[in-house]
């Protein structure tokens, strides 16, 4: 049976703890940015079609959504 010294065990535990802290920091940053991005697109009415008083249609702007083409209207819009 191989025994390790207390110093090497503590060094390994420290490396594991630092790695966990870095991973949780990155995960928290990614989650926060994702929530902010979704919130901004909700506020800007991303993809919602609005009819104006003169009968024209406006589509809500999408922020950082490259797969949405603002020039193409949905099928339910005349």
N, C-alpha and C. Protein backbone atom coordinates (compact mmCIF):
# COMPACT_ATOMS: atom_id res chain seq x y z
N UNK A 1 0.84 -1.16 0.00
CA UNK A 1 0.00 0.00 0.00
C UNK A 1 0.90 1.24 0.00
N UNK A 2 0.58 2.18 -0.86
CA UNK A 2 1.40 3.39 -0.98
C UNK A 2 0.81 4.49 -0.12
N UNK A 3 1.65 5.06 0.70
CA UNK A 3 1.23 6.15 1.56
C UNK A 3 1.77 7.46 1.01
N UNK A 4 0.96 8.52 1.15
CA UNK A 4 1.43 9.84 0.73
C UNK A 4 1.63 10.70 1.97
N UNK A 5 2.48 11.67 1.82
CA UNK A 5 2.74 12.56 2.95
C UNK A 5 1.60 13.56 3.09
N UNK A 6 1.51 14.15 4.24
CA UNK A 6 0.46 15.14 4.50
C UNK A 6 0.65 16.35 3.58
N UNK A 7 1.88 16.74 3.32
CA UNK A 7 2.13 17.90 2.47
C UNK A 7 1.65 17.65 1.04
N UNK A 8 1.93 16.46 0.51
CA UNK A 8 1.50 16.18 -0.87
C UNK A 8 -0.03 16.05 -0.94
N UNK A 9 -0.65 15.52 0.10
CA UNK A 9 -2.11 15.43 0.12
C UNK A 9 -2.73 16.81 0.19
N UNK A 10 -2.17 17.70 1.01
CA UNK A 10 -2.68 19.07 1.11
C UNK A 10 -2.46 19.84 -0.19
N UNK A 11 -1.34 19.59 -0.85
CA UNK A 11 -1.08 20.25 -2.14
C UNK A 11 -2.10 19.80 -3.18
N UNK A 12 -2.45 18.52 -3.18
CA UNK A 12 -3.45 18.01 -4.12
C UNK A 12 -4.82 18.60 -3.80
N UNK A 13 -5.18 18.66 -2.52
CA UNK A 13 -6.46 19.24 -2.12
C UNK A 13 -6.53 20.72 -2.52
N UNK A 14 -5.42 21.43 -2.40
CA UNK A 14 -5.38 22.84 -2.79
C UNK A 14 -5.58 23.00 -4.29
N UNK A 15 -4.95 22.14 -5.08
CA UNK A 15 -5.12 22.18 -6.54
C UNK A 15 -6.57 21.90 -6.93
N UNK A 16 -7.18 20.92 -6.27
CA UNK A 16 -8.57 20.58 -6.55
C UNK A 16 -9.49 21.75 -6.19
N UNK A 17 -9.24 22.38 -5.05
CA UNK A 17 -10.06 23.51 -4.62
C UNK A 17 -9.92 24.70 -5.56
N UNK A 18 -8.72 25.00 -6.00
CA UNK A 18 -8.50 26.11 -6.94
C UNK A 18 -9.18 25.82 -8.27
N UNK A 19 -9.08 24.59 -8.74
CA UNK A 19 -9.75 24.21 -9.99
C UNK A 19 -11.26 24.35 -9.86
N UNK A 20 -11.80 23.95 -8.72
CA UNK A 20 -13.25 24.06 -8.50
C UNK A 20 -13.69 25.52 -8.48
N UNK A 21 -12.92 26.37 -7.83
CA UNK A 21 -13.26 27.79 -7.77
C UNK A 21 -13.23 28.42 -9.16
N UNK A 22 -12.22 28.10 -9.95
CA UNK A 22 -12.12 28.64 -11.31
C UNK A 22 -13.29 28.15 -12.16
N UNK A 23 -13.63 26.87 -12.06
CA UNK A 23 -14.73 26.32 -12.85
C UNK A 23 -16.06 26.96 -12.46
N UNK A 24 -16.30 27.13 -11.17
CA UNK A 24 -17.54 27.77 -10.72
C UNK A 24 -17.61 29.24 -11.13
N UNK A 25 -16.47 29.91 -11.14
CA UNK A 25 -16.45 31.30 -11.58
C UNK A 25 -16.82 31.41 -13.06
N UNK A 26 -16.23 30.55 -13.89
CA UNK A 26 -16.57 30.55 -15.31
C UNK A 26 -18.03 30.18 -15.55
N UNK A 27 -18.53 29.20 -14.81
CA UNK A 27 -19.93 28.80 -14.96
C UNK A 27 -20.87 29.92 -14.54
N UNK A 28 -20.53 30.61 -13.45
CA UNK A 28 -21.35 31.74 -13.00
C UNK A 28 -21.35 32.88 -14.00
N UNK A 29 -20.18 33.19 -14.56
CA UNK A 29 -20.10 34.25 -15.57
C UNK A 29 -20.91 33.89 -16.81
N UNK A 30 -20.80 32.65 -17.26
CA UNK A 30 -21.56 32.22 -18.43
C UNK A 30 -23.06 32.28 -18.16
N UNK A 31 -23.48 31.81 -17.00
CA UNK A 31 -24.90 31.85 -16.66
C UNK A 31 -25.42 33.28 -16.56
N UNK A 32 -24.62 34.17 -15.98
CA UNK A 32 -25.03 35.56 -15.87
C UNK A 32 -25.14 36.24 -17.22
N UNK A 33 -24.18 35.98 -18.10
CA UNK A 33 -24.23 36.56 -19.44
C UNK A 33 -25.41 36.02 -20.24
N UNK A 34 -25.71 34.74 -20.06
CA UNK A 34 -26.86 34.15 -20.76
C UNK A 34 -28.16 34.77 -20.28
N UNK A 35 -28.31 34.95 -18.97
CA UNK A 35 -29.52 35.58 -18.44
C UNK A 35 -29.63 37.03 -18.92
N UNK A 36 -28.53 37.76 -18.95
CA UNK A 36 -28.55 39.14 -19.42
C UNK A 36 -28.93 39.21 -20.89
N UNK A 37 -28.38 38.31 -21.70
CA UNK A 37 -28.69 38.28 -23.13
C UNK A 37 -30.18 38.00 -23.37
N UNK A 38 -30.72 37.03 -22.65
CA UNK A 38 -32.15 36.71 -22.80
C UNK A 38 -32.99 37.89 -22.33
N UNK A 39 -32.61 38.52 -21.23
CA UNK A 39 -33.36 39.67 -20.72
C UNK A 39 -33.35 40.84 -21.69
N UNK A 40 -32.20 41.12 -22.29
CA UNK A 40 -32.12 42.21 -23.27
C UNK A 40 -33.01 41.91 -24.47
N UNK A 41 -33.03 40.67 -24.93
CA UNK A 41 -33.86 40.34 -26.08
C UNK A 41 -35.35 40.35 -25.73
N UNK A 42 -35.69 40.09 -24.49
CA UNK A 42 -37.08 40.21 -24.07
C UNK A 42 -37.49 41.68 -24.05
N UNK A 43 -36.64 42.53 -23.52
CA UNK A 43 -36.93 43.97 -23.44
C UNK A 43 -37.05 44.58 -24.83
N UNK A 44 -36.22 44.15 -25.78
CA UNK A 44 -36.27 44.71 -27.13
C UNK A 44 -37.32 44.05 -28.01
N UNK A 45 -38.13 43.18 -27.46
CA UNK A 45 -39.20 42.47 -28.19
C UNK A 45 -38.64 41.71 -29.38
N UNK A 46 -37.67 40.91 -29.15
CA UNK A 46 -37.01 40.16 -30.22
C UNK A 46 -38.00 39.27 -30.96
N UNK A 47 -38.18 39.56 -32.24
CA UNK A 47 -39.02 38.74 -33.10
C UNK A 47 -40.50 39.02 -33.04
N UNK A 48 -40.94 39.86 -32.12
CA UNK A 48 -42.37 40.16 -32.04
C UNK A 48 -42.76 41.14 -33.15
N UNK A 49 -43.85 40.83 -33.81
CA UNK A 49 -44.33 41.69 -34.90
C UNK A 49 -45.40 42.62 -34.36
N UNK A 50 -45.22 43.92 -34.61
CA UNK A 50 -46.15 44.93 -34.12
C UNK A 50 -46.72 45.68 -35.32
N UNK A 51 -48.04 45.87 -35.32
CA UNK A 51 -48.67 46.63 -36.39
C UNK A 51 -48.82 48.08 -35.95
N UNK A 52 -48.36 48.99 -36.80
CA UNK A 52 -48.43 50.41 -36.47
C UNK A 52 -49.77 50.98 -36.88
N UNK A 53 -49.99 52.25 -36.56
CA UNK A 53 -51.27 52.90 -36.84
C UNK A 53 -51.54 53.04 -38.33
N UNK A 54 -50.49 53.18 -39.15
CA UNK A 54 -50.71 53.33 -40.59
C UNK A 54 -50.74 51.98 -41.31
N UNK A 55 -50.72 50.88 -40.59
CA UNK A 55 -50.88 49.56 -41.20
C UNK A 55 -49.59 48.83 -41.53
N UNK A 56 -48.46 49.44 -41.28
CA UNK A 56 -47.20 48.75 -41.55
C UNK A 56 -46.83 47.87 -40.36
N UNK A 57 -45.97 46.92 -40.63
CA UNK A 57 -45.54 45.99 -39.58
C UNK A 57 -44.09 46.27 -39.21
N UNK A 58 -43.81 46.21 -37.93
CA UNK A 58 -42.45 46.35 -37.42
C UNK A 58 -42.10 45.08 -36.66
N UNK A 59 -40.92 44.59 -36.89
CA UNK A 59 -40.47 43.41 -36.15
C UNK A 59 -39.45 43.86 -35.12
N UNK A 60 -39.58 43.36 -33.89
CA UNK A 60 -38.68 43.74 -32.80
C UNK A 60 -37.24 43.39 -33.11
N UNK A 61 -36.33 44.24 -32.67
CA UNK A 61 -34.90 44.02 -32.91
C UNK A 61 -34.37 42.92 -32.00
N UNK A 62 -33.48 42.12 -32.55
CA UNK A 62 -32.82 41.07 -31.79
C UNK A 62 -31.36 41.45 -31.59
N UNK A 63 -30.87 41.31 -30.38
CA UNK A 63 -29.49 41.67 -30.04
C UNK A 63 -28.64 40.40 -30.03
N UNK A 64 -27.61 40.39 -30.86
CA UNK A 64 -26.68 39.26 -30.96
C UNK A 64 -27.38 37.94 -31.26
N UNK A 65 -28.31 37.98 -32.20
CA UNK A 65 -29.00 36.77 -32.65
C UNK A 65 -28.80 36.69 -34.17
N UNK A 66 -27.70 36.08 -34.61
CA UNK A 66 -27.39 36.09 -36.04
C UNK A 66 -28.32 35.22 -36.89
N UNK A 67 -29.02 34.29 -36.29
CA UNK A 67 -29.86 33.39 -37.08
C UNK A 67 -31.25 33.97 -37.35
N UNK A 68 -31.56 35.17 -36.86
CA UNK A 68 -32.83 35.82 -37.12
C UNK A 68 -32.61 36.90 -38.16
N UNK A 69 -33.31 36.80 -39.28
CA UNK A 69 -33.22 37.80 -40.33
C UNK A 69 -34.37 38.79 -40.14
N UNK A 70 -34.08 40.06 -39.84
CA UNK A 70 -35.16 41.02 -39.58
C UNK A 70 -35.96 41.39 -40.82
N UNK A 71 -35.46 41.05 -42.01
CA UNK A 71 -36.18 41.39 -43.24
C UNK A 71 -37.24 40.36 -43.60
N UNK A 72 -37.23 39.21 -42.97
CA UNK A 72 -38.20 38.15 -43.27
C UNK A 72 -39.26 38.14 -42.17
N UNK A 73 -40.53 38.28 -42.57
CA UNK A 73 -41.61 38.25 -41.60
C UNK A 73 -42.10 36.82 -41.42
N UNK A 74 -42.75 36.59 -40.30
CA UNK A 74 -43.30 35.27 -40.03
C UNK A 74 -44.48 34.98 -40.94
N UNK A 75 -44.90 33.72 -40.99
CA UNK A 75 -45.94 33.29 -41.93
C UNK A 75 -47.31 33.88 -41.63
N UNK A 76 -47.57 34.32 -40.40
CA UNK A 76 -48.88 34.84 -40.06
C UNK A 76 -49.04 36.33 -40.36
N UNK A 77 -48.01 36.97 -40.83
CA UNK A 77 -48.07 38.39 -41.15
C UNK A 77 -48.44 38.56 -42.61
N UNK A 78 -49.39 39.44 -42.89
CA UNK A 78 -49.83 39.66 -44.28
C UNK A 78 -48.81 40.44 -45.05
